[in-house]
């Protein structure tokens, strides 16, 4: 069961970024438990949105229902893990690796103006396999639409890196 809890927690740890941009509810009393502090202020607020979504909205199979709070906590502590908790550390380290091992959190991305308008950058626009190097993000982004393999929505498009914040709310309502 631990493996199922870990995998589900890892899969859902950043669902709060989606919920936050869609202006959904969040767990308002857990800042001190889940959020790191930068420059004297809490940061990475998406973790509180992940917690709320998992605790209140996520449909779970019956066999996992009793582990709902553990899944929510493991997913939500990825920026402030308990160092002697193997599951916390697995999700935290995987998060750092997937976001770029050399990325340094000097500021909180969520504090930047316009973060709700930003779009997901395609990783394929950042790498050149033949030259074995990475390059700065380009111009290919994902549209905020439901996935559908019948259309080309699974592929990034050459487009602006921003769009109306309302698109997150519309998509979350369809998702939720």
N, C-alpha and C. Protein backbone atom coordinates (compact mmCIF):
# COMPACT_ATOMS: atom_id res chain seq x y z
N UNK A 1 0.82 -1.20 0.00
CA UNK A 1 0.00 0.00 0.00
C UNK A 1 0.86 1.26 0.00
N UNK A 2 2.04 1.18 0.66
CA UNK A 2 2.92 2.35 0.70
C UNK A 2 3.31 2.83 -0.70
N UNK A 3 3.55 1.89 -1.59
CA UNK A 3 3.93 2.26 -2.95
C UNK A 3 2.78 3.00 -3.64
N UNK A 4 1.55 2.55 -3.47
CA UNK A 4 0.40 3.23 -4.06
C UNK A 4 0.26 4.64 -3.51
N UNK A 5 0.45 4.79 -2.22
CA UNK A 5 0.37 6.11 -1.58
C UNK A 5 1.46 7.02 -2.12
N UNK A 6 2.67 6.51 -2.21
CA UNK A 6 3.79 7.30 -2.72
C UNK A 6 3.57 7.73 -4.16
N UNK A 7 3.17 6.80 -5.01
CA UNK A 7 2.99 7.11 -6.42
C UNK A 7 1.87 8.13 -6.60
N UNK A 8 0.77 7.96 -5.92
CA UNK A 8 -0.35 8.90 -6.04
C UNK A 8 0.05 10.28 -5.50
N UNK A 9 0.77 10.31 -4.39
CA UNK A 9 1.24 11.58 -3.83
C UNK A 9 2.17 12.29 -4.80
N UNK A 10 3.07 11.55 -5.40
CA UNK A 10 4.01 12.14 -6.36
C UNK A 10 3.27 12.65 -7.60
N UNK A 11 2.33 11.88 -8.07
CA UNK A 11 1.57 12.27 -9.25
C UNK A 11 0.78 13.56 -9.00
N UNK A 12 0.26 13.72 -7.80
CA UNK A 12 -0.63 14.85 -7.51
C UNK A 12 0.04 16.03 -6.80
N UNK A 13 1.33 15.95 -6.54
CA UNK A 13 1.94 16.98 -5.69
C UNK A 13 1.80 18.39 -6.24
N UNK A 14 1.76 18.59 -7.54
CA UNK A 14 1.64 19.93 -8.10
C UNK A 14 0.25 20.24 -8.67
N UNK A 15 -0.74 19.41 -8.37
CA UNK A 15 -2.10 19.69 -8.83
C UNK A 15 -2.57 21.04 -8.31
N UNK A 16 -1.98 21.46 -7.20
CA UNK A 16 -2.33 22.76 -6.63
C UNK A 16 -1.97 23.93 -7.53
N UNK A 17 -0.99 23.79 -8.39
CA UNK A 17 -0.66 24.88 -9.32
C UNK A 17 -1.84 25.13 -10.25
N UNK A 18 -2.46 24.07 -10.69
CA UNK A 18 -3.64 24.16 -11.54
C UNK A 18 -4.80 24.77 -10.75
N UNK A 19 -5.04 24.24 -9.55
CA UNK A 19 -6.14 24.74 -8.71
C UNK A 19 -5.94 26.20 -8.32
N UNK A 20 -4.71 26.57 -8.00
CA UNK A 20 -4.42 27.95 -7.62
C UNK A 20 -4.71 28.91 -8.77
N UNK A 21 -4.28 28.56 -9.95
CA UNK A 21 -4.51 29.43 -11.11
C UNK A 21 -5.99 29.51 -11.45
N UNK A 22 -6.75 28.49 -11.08
CA UNK A 22 -8.19 28.47 -11.30
C UNK A 22 -8.95 29.13 -10.16
N UNK A 23 -8.21 29.66 -9.19
CA UNK A 23 -8.79 30.37 -8.02
C UNK A 23 -9.73 29.48 -7.21
N UNK A 24 -9.30 28.25 -6.97
CA UNK A 24 -10.06 27.30 -6.17
C UNK A 24 -9.74 27.49 -4.69
N UNK A 25 -10.46 26.81 -3.81
CA UNK A 25 -10.16 26.91 -2.37
C UNK A 25 -8.82 26.25 -2.03
N UNK A 26 -8.27 26.62 -0.86
CA UNK A 26 -7.03 26.03 -0.39
C UNK A 26 -7.09 25.83 1.12
N UNK A 27 -6.18 25.04 1.65
CA UNK A 27 -6.13 24.75 3.09
C UNK A 27 -5.46 25.92 3.79
N UNK A 28 -6.25 26.78 4.39
CA UNK A 28 -5.78 28.06 4.92
C UNK A 28 -5.02 27.98 6.23
N UNK A 29 -5.07 26.86 6.91
CA UNK A 29 -4.45 26.79 8.24
C UNK A 29 -3.14 26.00 8.26
N UNK A 30 -2.63 25.62 7.10
CA UNK A 30 -1.46 24.74 7.07
C UNK A 30 -0.19 25.40 6.54
N UNK A 31 -0.16 26.73 6.50
CA UNK A 31 1.01 27.42 5.97
C UNK A 31 2.29 27.00 6.70
N UNK A 32 2.25 26.97 8.01
CA UNK A 32 3.42 26.65 8.81
C UNK A 32 3.92 25.22 8.63
N UNK A 33 3.02 24.34 8.22
CA UNK A 33 3.40 22.93 8.03
C UNK A 33 3.94 22.66 6.63
N UNK A 34 3.37 23.28 5.62
CA UNK A 34 3.70 22.93 4.24
C UNK A 34 4.56 23.94 3.49
N UNK A 35 4.54 25.19 3.89
CA UNK A 35 5.18 26.22 3.07
C UNK A 35 6.56 26.62 3.58
N UNK A 36 7.53 26.70 2.67
CA UNK A 36 8.84 27.24 3.05
C UNK A 36 8.74 28.76 3.18
N UNK A 37 9.74 29.35 3.79
CA UNK A 37 9.77 30.80 3.97
C UNK A 37 10.95 31.36 3.19
N UNK A 38 10.69 32.38 2.37
CA UNK A 38 11.72 33.10 1.63
C UNK A 38 11.55 34.58 1.91
N UNK A 39 12.64 35.24 2.25
CA UNK A 39 12.61 36.67 2.56
C UNK A 39 11.53 37.01 3.59
N UNK A 40 11.37 36.14 4.57
CA UNK A 40 10.43 36.39 5.66
C UNK A 40 8.96 36.16 5.33
N UNK A 41 8.67 35.60 4.14
CA UNK A 41 7.28 35.36 3.74
C UNK A 41 7.12 33.92 3.28
N UNK A 42 5.93 33.39 3.50
CA UNK A 42 5.62 32.06 2.98
C UNK A 42 5.65 32.08 1.46
N UNK A 43 6.06 30.95 0.88
CA UNK A 43 6.07 30.83 -0.58
C UNK A 43 5.55 29.45 -0.98
N UNK A 44 5.44 29.24 -2.25
CA UNK A 44 4.98 27.97 -2.83
C UNK A 44 3.58 27.59 -2.35
N UNK A 45 2.68 28.56 -2.44
CA UNK A 45 1.32 28.40 -1.96
C UNK A 45 0.55 27.29 -2.66
N UNK A 46 1.01 26.86 -3.82
CA UNK A 46 0.30 25.80 -4.53
C UNK A 46 0.20 24.52 -3.69
N UNK A 47 1.12 24.34 -2.75
CA UNK A 47 1.06 23.14 -1.90
C UNK A 47 -0.23 23.11 -1.07
N UNK A 48 -0.72 24.27 -0.65
CA UNK A 48 -1.97 24.33 0.11
C UNK A 48 -3.17 24.01 -0.77
N UNK A 49 -3.07 24.36 -2.02
CA UNK A 49 -4.13 24.03 -2.97
C UNK A 49 -4.13 22.54 -3.28
N UNK A 50 -2.94 21.96 -3.36
CA UNK A 50 -2.85 20.50 -3.56
C UNK A 50 -3.50 19.78 -2.40
N UNK A 51 -3.18 20.21 -1.18
CA UNK A 51 -3.76 19.59 0.01
C UNK A 51 -5.28 19.65 -0.02
N UNK A 52 -5.83 20.83 -0.29
CA UNK A 52 -7.28 20.99 -0.30
C UNK A 52 -7.92 20.08 -1.35
N UNK A 53 -7.36 20.09 -2.56
CA UNK A 53 -7.94 19.27 -3.62
C UNK A 53 -7.95 17.79 -3.24
N UNK A 54 -6.84 17.31 -2.73
CA UNK A 54 -6.76 15.88 -2.38
C UNK A 54 -7.70 15.56 -1.21
N UNK A 55 -7.73 16.41 -0.21
CA UNK A 55 -8.58 16.17 0.96
C UNK A 55 -10.07 16.28 0.66
N UNK A 56 -10.46 17.17 -0.26
CA UNK A 56 -11.88 17.49 -0.42
C UNK A 56 -12.50 17.11 -1.77
N UNK A 57 -11.72 17.04 -2.80
CA UNK A 57 -12.31 16.88 -4.13
C UNK A 57 -11.89 15.63 -4.89
N UNK A 58 -10.76 15.07 -4.56
CA UNK A 58 -10.23 13.95 -5.33
C UNK A 58 -11.03 12.68 -5.10
N UNK A 59 -11.60 12.09 -6.17
CA UNK A 59 -12.24 10.79 -6.00
C UNK A 59 -11.16 9.71 -5.85
N UNK A 60 -11.31 8.89 -4.85
CA UNK A 60 -10.35 7.82 -4.60
C UNK A 60 -11.06 6.48 -4.59
N UNK A 61 -10.38 5.42 -5.01
CA UNK A 61 -10.98 4.09 -4.87
C UNK A 61 -11.11 3.75 -3.39
N UNK A 62 -12.07 2.92 -3.07
CA UNK A 62 -12.35 2.56 -1.67
C UNK A 62 -11.13 2.11 -0.89
N UNK A 63 -10.24 1.35 -1.52
CA UNK A 63 -9.07 0.84 -0.82
C UNK A 63 -8.11 1.94 -0.38
N UNK A 64 -8.20 3.12 -0.99
CA UNK A 64 -7.29 4.22 -0.64
C UNK A 64 -7.95 5.30 0.21
N UNK A 65 -9.25 5.22 0.37
CA UNK A 65 -9.97 6.28 1.09
C UNK A 65 -9.42 6.53 2.49
N UNK A 66 -9.08 5.49 3.21
CA UNK A 66 -8.56 5.67 4.57
C UNK A 66 -7.17 6.31 4.60
N UNK A 67 -6.52 6.39 3.44
CA UNK A 67 -5.18 6.98 3.34
C UNK A 67 -5.21 8.38 2.73
N UNK A 68 -6.39 8.95 2.56
CA UNK A 68 -6.56 10.26 1.92
C UNK A 68 -5.68 11.33 2.57
N UNK A 69 -5.72 11.44 3.87
CA UNK A 69 -4.94 12.49 4.55
C UNK A 69 -3.45 12.25 4.42
N UNK A 70 -3.03 11.00 4.43
CA UNK A 70 -1.61 10.69 4.24
C UNK A 70 -1.16 11.05 2.83
N UNK A 71 -1.99 10.79 1.84
CA UNK A 71 -1.68 11.15 0.46
C UNK A 71 -1.58 12.67 0.34
N UNK A 72 -2.54 13.37 0.93
CA UNK A 72 -2.54 14.83 0.87
C UNK A 72 -1.29 15.41 1.54
N UNK A 73 -0.95 14.90 2.71
CA UNK A 73 0.22 15.41 3.42
C UNK A 73 1.51 15.12 2.67
N UNK A 74 1.66 13.90 2.18
CA UNK A 74 2.87 13.53 1.45
C UNK A 74 3.02 14.37 0.19
N UNK A 75 1.93 14.59 -0.52
CA UNK A 75 1.97 15.42 -1.73
C UNK A 75 2.29 16.87 -1.40
N UNK A 76 1.74 17.36 -0.31
CA UNK A 76 1.82 18.79 -0.01
C UNK A 76 3.08 19.23 0.71
N UNK A 77 3.86 18.31 1.22
CA UNK A 77 5.09 18.69 1.93
C UNK A 77 6.31 18.71 1.02
N UNK A 78 6.13 18.68 -0.28
CA UNK A 78 7.27 18.53 -1.19
C UNK A 78 8.24 19.71 -1.17
N UNK A 79 7.82 20.87 -0.68
CA UNK A 79 8.75 21.99 -0.55
C UNK A 79 9.25 22.15 0.89
N UNK A 80 8.69 21.37 1.78
CA UNK A 80 9.11 21.39 3.18
C UNK A 80 8.97 19.98 3.77
N UNK A 81 9.74 19.04 3.24
CA UNK A 81 9.59 17.65 3.67
C UNK A 81 10.17 17.40 5.07
N UNK A 82 9.62 16.40 5.71
CA UNK A 82 10.20 15.91 6.95
C UNK A 82 11.37 15.03 6.54
N UNK A 83 12.58 15.41 6.92
CA UNK A 83 13.78 14.77 6.37
C UNK A 83 13.94 13.30 6.74
N UNK A 84 13.34 12.86 7.81
CA UNK A 84 13.44 11.43 8.16
C UNK A 84 12.23 10.63 7.67
N UNK A 85 11.41 11.24 6.83
CA UNK A 85 10.25 10.56 6.25
C UNK A 85 10.59 10.22 4.80
N UNK A 86 10.76 8.94 4.52
CA UNK A 86 11.20 8.50 3.20
C UNK A 86 10.24 8.94 2.09
N UNK A 87 8.93 8.84 2.31
CA UNK A 87 7.97 9.25 1.28
C UNK A 87 8.07 10.75 1.00
N UNK A 88 8.15 11.55 2.05
CA UNK A 88 8.30 13.00 1.87
C UNK A 88 9.53 13.30 1.03
N UNK A 89 10.63 12.66 1.37
CA UNK A 89 11.89 12.94 0.67
C UNK A 89 11.85 12.46 -0.77
N UNK A 90 11.21 11.33 -1.03
CA UNK A 90 11.09 10.84 -2.41
C UNK A 90 10.35 11.86 -3.28
N UNK A 91 9.22 12.35 -2.81
CA UNK A 91 8.45 13.32 -3.59
C UNK A 91 9.21 14.63 -3.73
N UNK A 92 9.85 15.08 -2.67
CA UNK A 92 10.60 16.33 -2.70
C UNK A 92 11.78 16.27 -3.67
N UNK A 93 12.55 15.21 -3.60
CA UNK A 93 13.71 15.07 -4.48
C UNK A 93 13.26 14.91 -5.93
N UNK A 94 12.22 14.12 -6.16
CA UNK A 94 11.71 13.96 -7.52
C UNK A 94 11.22 15.29 -8.08
N UNK A 95 10.58 16.09 -7.24
CA UNK A 95 10.12 17.41 -7.67
C UNK A 95 11.30 18.29 -8.09
N UNK A 96 12.34 18.28 -7.30
CA UNK A 96 13.52 19.09 -7.62
C UNK A 96 14.18 18.60 -8.90
N UNK A 97 14.28 17.31 -9.06
CA UNK A 97 14.90 16.76 -10.27
C UNK A 97 14.08 17.08 -11.52
N UNK A 98 12.77 16.94 -11.40
CA UNK A 98 11.93 17.18 -12.57
C UNK A 98 11.86 18.65 -12.95
N UNK A 99 12.07 19.54 -11.99
CA UNK A 99 12.01 20.96 -12.31
C UNK A 99 13.37 21.52 -12.68
N UNK A 100 14.38 20.68 -12.63
CA UNK A 100 15.73 21.12 -12.99
C UNK A 100 16.61 21.11 -11.78
N UNK A 101 17.52 20.18 -11.72
CA UNK A 101 18.37 20.02 -10.54
C UNK A 101 19.19 21.27 -10.26
N UNK A 102 19.45 22.06 -11.29
CA UNK A 102 20.27 23.25 -11.07
C UNK A 102 19.44 24.50 -10.82
N UNK A 103 18.10 24.36 -10.79
CA UNK A 103 17.27 25.53 -10.55
C UNK A 103 17.36 25.93 -9.09
N UNK A 104 17.52 27.19 -8.85
CA UNK A 104 17.60 27.71 -7.50
C UNK A 104 16.36 28.55 -7.23
N UNK A 105 15.71 28.28 -6.13
CA UNK A 105 14.51 29.04 -5.77
C UNK A 105 14.91 30.34 -5.09
N UNK A 106 15.25 31.34 -5.85
CA UNK A 106 15.60 32.61 -5.25
C UNK A 106 14.36 33.44 -4.99
N UNK A 107 13.32 33.19 -5.75
CA UNK A 107 12.06 33.89 -5.53
C UNK A 107 10.94 32.88 -5.70
N UNK A 108 9.77 33.27 -5.24
CA UNK A 108 8.60 32.42 -5.37
C UNK A 108 7.90 32.74 -6.68
N UNK A 109 7.80 31.76 -7.57
CA UNK A 109 7.18 31.97 -8.86
C UNK A 109 5.75 32.47 -8.73
N UNK A 110 5.05 32.04 -7.68
CA UNK A 110 3.66 32.40 -7.51
C UNK A 110 3.49 33.86 -7.12
N UNK A 111 4.56 34.51 -6.69
CA UNK A 111 4.47 35.91 -6.30
C UNK A 111 4.63 36.84 -7.50
N UNK A 112 5.07 36.30 -8.62
CA UNK A 112 5.29 37.11 -9.81
C UNK A 112 3.95 37.55 -10.39
N UNK A 113 3.92 38.78 -10.87
CA UNK A 113 2.72 39.28 -11.52
C UNK A 113 2.45 38.44 -12.76
N UNK A 114 1.20 38.09 -12.95
CA UNK A 114 0.82 37.38 -14.16
C UNK A 114 1.03 35.88 -14.16
N UNK A 115 1.34 35.28 -13.00
CA UNK A 115 1.58 33.83 -13.01
C UNK A 115 0.33 33.07 -13.42
N UNK A 116 -0.85 33.62 -13.17
CA UNK A 116 -2.09 32.95 -13.57
C UNK A 116 -2.31 32.99 -15.09
N UNK A 117 -1.59 33.85 -15.76
CA UNK A 117 -1.71 33.94 -17.21
C UNK A 117 -0.66 33.11 -17.94
N UNK A 118 0.34 32.62 -17.22
CA UNK A 118 1.43 31.89 -17.88
C UNK A 118 0.96 30.51 -18.31
N UNK A 119 1.63 29.98 -19.32
CA UNK A 119 1.30 28.68 -19.87
C UNK A 119 2.47 27.73 -19.70
N UNK A 120 2.20 26.45 -19.81
CA UNK A 120 3.21 25.41 -19.65
C UNK A 120 4.11 25.37 -20.87
N UNK A 121 5.40 25.48 -20.63
CA UNK A 121 6.40 25.45 -21.69
C UNK A 121 6.67 24.00 -22.07
N UNK A 122 6.82 23.76 -23.34
CA UNK A 122 7.18 22.41 -23.79
C UNK A 122 8.66 22.16 -23.54
N UNK A 123 8.97 21.08 -22.87
CA UNK A 123 10.36 20.70 -22.62
C UNK A 123 11.10 20.44 -23.93
N UNK A 124 10.37 20.02 -24.94
CA UNK A 124 10.98 19.70 -26.22
C UNK A 124 11.52 20.94 -26.93
N UNK A 125 11.05 22.10 -26.52
CA UNK A 125 11.54 23.34 -27.10
C UNK A 125 12.82 23.82 -26.41
N UNK A 126 13.23 23.13 -25.36
CA UNK A 126 14.39 23.56 -24.58
C UNK A 126 15.62 22.69 -24.75
N UNK A 127 15.51 21.61 -25.51
CA UNK A 127 16.67 20.71 -25.62
C UNK A 127 17.09 20.51 -27.07
N UNK A 128 18.35 20.29 -27.23
CA UNK A 128 18.92 19.93 -28.54
C UNK A 128 19.72 18.66 -28.33
N UNK A 129 19.13 17.54 -28.66
CA UNK A 129 19.78 16.26 -28.39
C UNK A 129 21.06 16.08 -29.20
N UNK A 130 21.10 16.57 -30.41
CA UNK A 130 22.29 16.40 -31.22
C UNK A 130 23.49 17.15 -30.66
N UNK A 131 23.22 18.28 -30.01
CA UNK A 131 24.31 19.11 -29.48
C UNK A 131 24.52 18.89 -27.98
N UNK A 132 23.72 18.04 -27.37
CA UNK A 132 23.82 17.73 -25.94
C UNK A 132 23.80 19.00 -25.08
N UNK A 133 22.86 19.87 -25.36
CA UNK A 133 22.78 21.08 -24.55
C UNK A 133 21.34 21.52 -24.40
N UNK A 134 21.15 22.34 -23.40
CA UNK A 134 19.85 22.95 -23.16
C UNK A 134 19.90 24.39 -23.63
N UNK A 135 18.78 24.91 -24.03
CA UNK A 135 18.71 26.31 -24.43
C UNK A 135 17.55 26.96 -23.69
N UNK A 136 17.51 28.27 -23.64
CA UNK A 136 16.42 28.96 -22.95
C UNK A 136 15.07 28.59 -23.56
N UNK A 137 14.01 28.68 -22.77
CA UNK A 137 12.68 28.35 -23.30
C UNK A 137 12.37 29.12 -24.57
N UNK A 138 11.72 28.45 -25.48
CA UNK A 138 11.39 29.06 -26.76
C UNK A 138 9.97 29.56 -26.83
N UNK A 139 9.34 29.23 -27.92
CA UNK A 139 8.02 29.78 -28.19
C UNK A 139 6.93 28.72 -28.28
N UNK A 140 7.20 27.52 -27.83
CA UNK A 140 6.21 26.46 -27.91
C UNK A 140 5.60 26.19 -26.54
N UNK A 141 4.27 26.27 -26.49
CA UNK A 141 3.54 26.15 -25.24
C UNK A 141 2.33 25.25 -25.45
N UNK A 142 1.75 24.82 -24.34
CA UNK A 142 0.56 24.00 -24.40
C UNK A 142 -0.68 24.88 -24.20
N UNK A 143 -1.70 24.61 -25.00
CA UNK A 143 -2.97 25.32 -24.84
C UNK A 143 -3.68 24.79 -23.60
N UNK A 144 -4.49 25.61 -23.01
CA UNK A 144 -5.29 25.19 -21.85
C UNK A 144 -6.63 24.64 -22.35
N UNK A 145 -6.58 23.40 -22.77
CA UNK A 145 -7.77 22.72 -23.27
C UNK A 145 -7.73 21.27 -22.77
N UNK A 146 -8.88 20.61 -22.70
CA UNK A 146 -8.87 19.21 -22.29
C UNK A 146 -8.06 18.37 -23.28
N UNK A 147 -7.36 17.38 -22.76
CA UNK A 147 -6.60 16.47 -23.62
C UNK A 147 -7.55 15.67 -24.49
N UNK A 148 -7.16 15.49 -25.73
CA UNK A 148 -7.95 14.71 -26.66
C UNK A 148 -7.00 14.19 -27.74
N UNK A 149 -6.85 12.88 -27.82
CA UNK A 149 -5.90 12.33 -28.78
C UNK A 149 -6.39 12.45 -30.22
N UNK A 150 -7.66 12.75 -30.40
CA UNK A 150 -8.18 12.91 -31.76
C UNK A 150 -7.71 14.22 -32.39
N UNK A 151 -7.44 15.19 -31.58
CA UNK A 151 -6.96 16.47 -32.06
C UNK A 151 -5.47 16.59 -31.76
N UNK A 152 -4.89 17.65 -32.19
CA UNK A 152 -3.47 17.86 -31.93
C UNK A 152 -3.21 18.62 -30.63
N UNK A 153 -4.09 18.50 -29.66
CA UNK A 153 -3.91 19.25 -28.42
C UNK A 153 -2.82 18.67 -27.53
N UNK A 154 -2.37 17.46 -27.79
CA UNK A 154 -1.29 16.88 -26.98
C UNK A 154 0.07 17.44 -27.39
N UNK A 155 0.10 18.18 -28.50
CA UNK A 155 1.34 18.75 -28.98
C UNK A 155 1.39 20.24 -28.68
N UNK A 156 2.55 20.75 -28.34
CA UNK A 156 2.66 22.19 -28.09
C UNK A 156 2.50 22.97 -29.40
N UNK A 157 2.12 24.22 -29.25
CA UNK A 157 1.94 25.08 -30.41
C UNK A 157 2.84 26.30 -30.27
N UNK A 158 3.23 26.85 -31.40
CA UNK A 158 4.01 28.07 -31.39
C UNK A 158 3.02 29.19 -31.13
N UNK A 159 3.13 29.77 -29.95
CA UNK A 159 2.12 30.71 -29.51
C UNK A 159 2.69 31.59 -28.41
N UNK A 160 1.89 32.49 -27.92
CA UNK A 160 2.28 33.34 -26.81
C UNK A 160 2.36 32.51 -25.53
N UNK A 161 3.24 32.92 -24.64
CA UNK A 161 3.43 32.20 -23.38
C UNK A 161 2.37 32.54 -22.35
N UNK A 162 1.43 33.36 -22.72
CA UNK A 162 0.39 33.78 -21.79
C UNK A 162 -0.98 33.70 -22.45
N UNK A 163 -1.99 33.82 -21.63
CA UNK A 163 -3.37 33.84 -22.09
C UNK A 163 -4.26 34.27 -20.95
N UNK A 164 -5.54 34.38 -21.18
CA UNK A 164 -6.46 34.82 -20.13
C UNK A 164 -6.46 33.87 -18.93
N UNK A 165 -6.40 34.44 -17.74
CA UNK A 165 -6.41 33.63 -16.51
C UNK A 165 -7.70 32.82 -16.40
N UNK A 166 -8.77 33.33 -16.94
CA UNK A 166 -10.08 32.67 -16.87
C UNK A 166 -10.02 31.27 -17.51
N UNK A 167 -9.10 31.06 -18.47
CA UNK A 167 -8.99 29.75 -19.10
C UNK A 167 -8.67 28.66 -18.09
N UNK A 168 -7.91 28.98 -17.04
CA UNK A 168 -7.61 28.00 -15.99
C UNK A 168 -8.89 27.60 -15.27
N UNK A 169 -9.75 28.58 -14.96
CA UNK A 169 -10.99 28.28 -14.27
C UNK A 169 -11.90 27.40 -15.12
N UNK A 170 -12.02 27.72 -16.39
CA UNK A 170 -12.86 26.94 -17.29
C UNK A 170 -12.35 25.51 -17.38
N UNK A 171 -11.05 25.36 -17.58
CA UNK A 171 -10.47 24.02 -17.70
C UNK A 171 -10.60 23.24 -16.37
N UNK A 172 -10.38 23.90 -15.24
CA UNK A 172 -10.50 23.20 -13.95
C UNK A 172 -11.93 22.74 -13.73
N UNK A 173 -12.90 23.55 -14.09
CA UNK A 173 -14.30 23.15 -13.95
C UNK A 173 -14.60 21.90 -14.79
N UNK A 174 -14.01 21.79 -15.97
CA UNK A 174 -14.19 20.62 -16.81
C UNK A 174 -13.46 19.41 -16.22
N UNK A 175 -12.31 19.67 -15.63
CA UNK A 175 -11.48 18.63 -15.02
C UNK A 175 -12.14 18.10 -13.76
N UNK A 176 -12.63 18.97 -12.97
CA UNK A 176 -13.15 18.67 -11.63
C UNK A 176 -14.54 18.12 -11.77
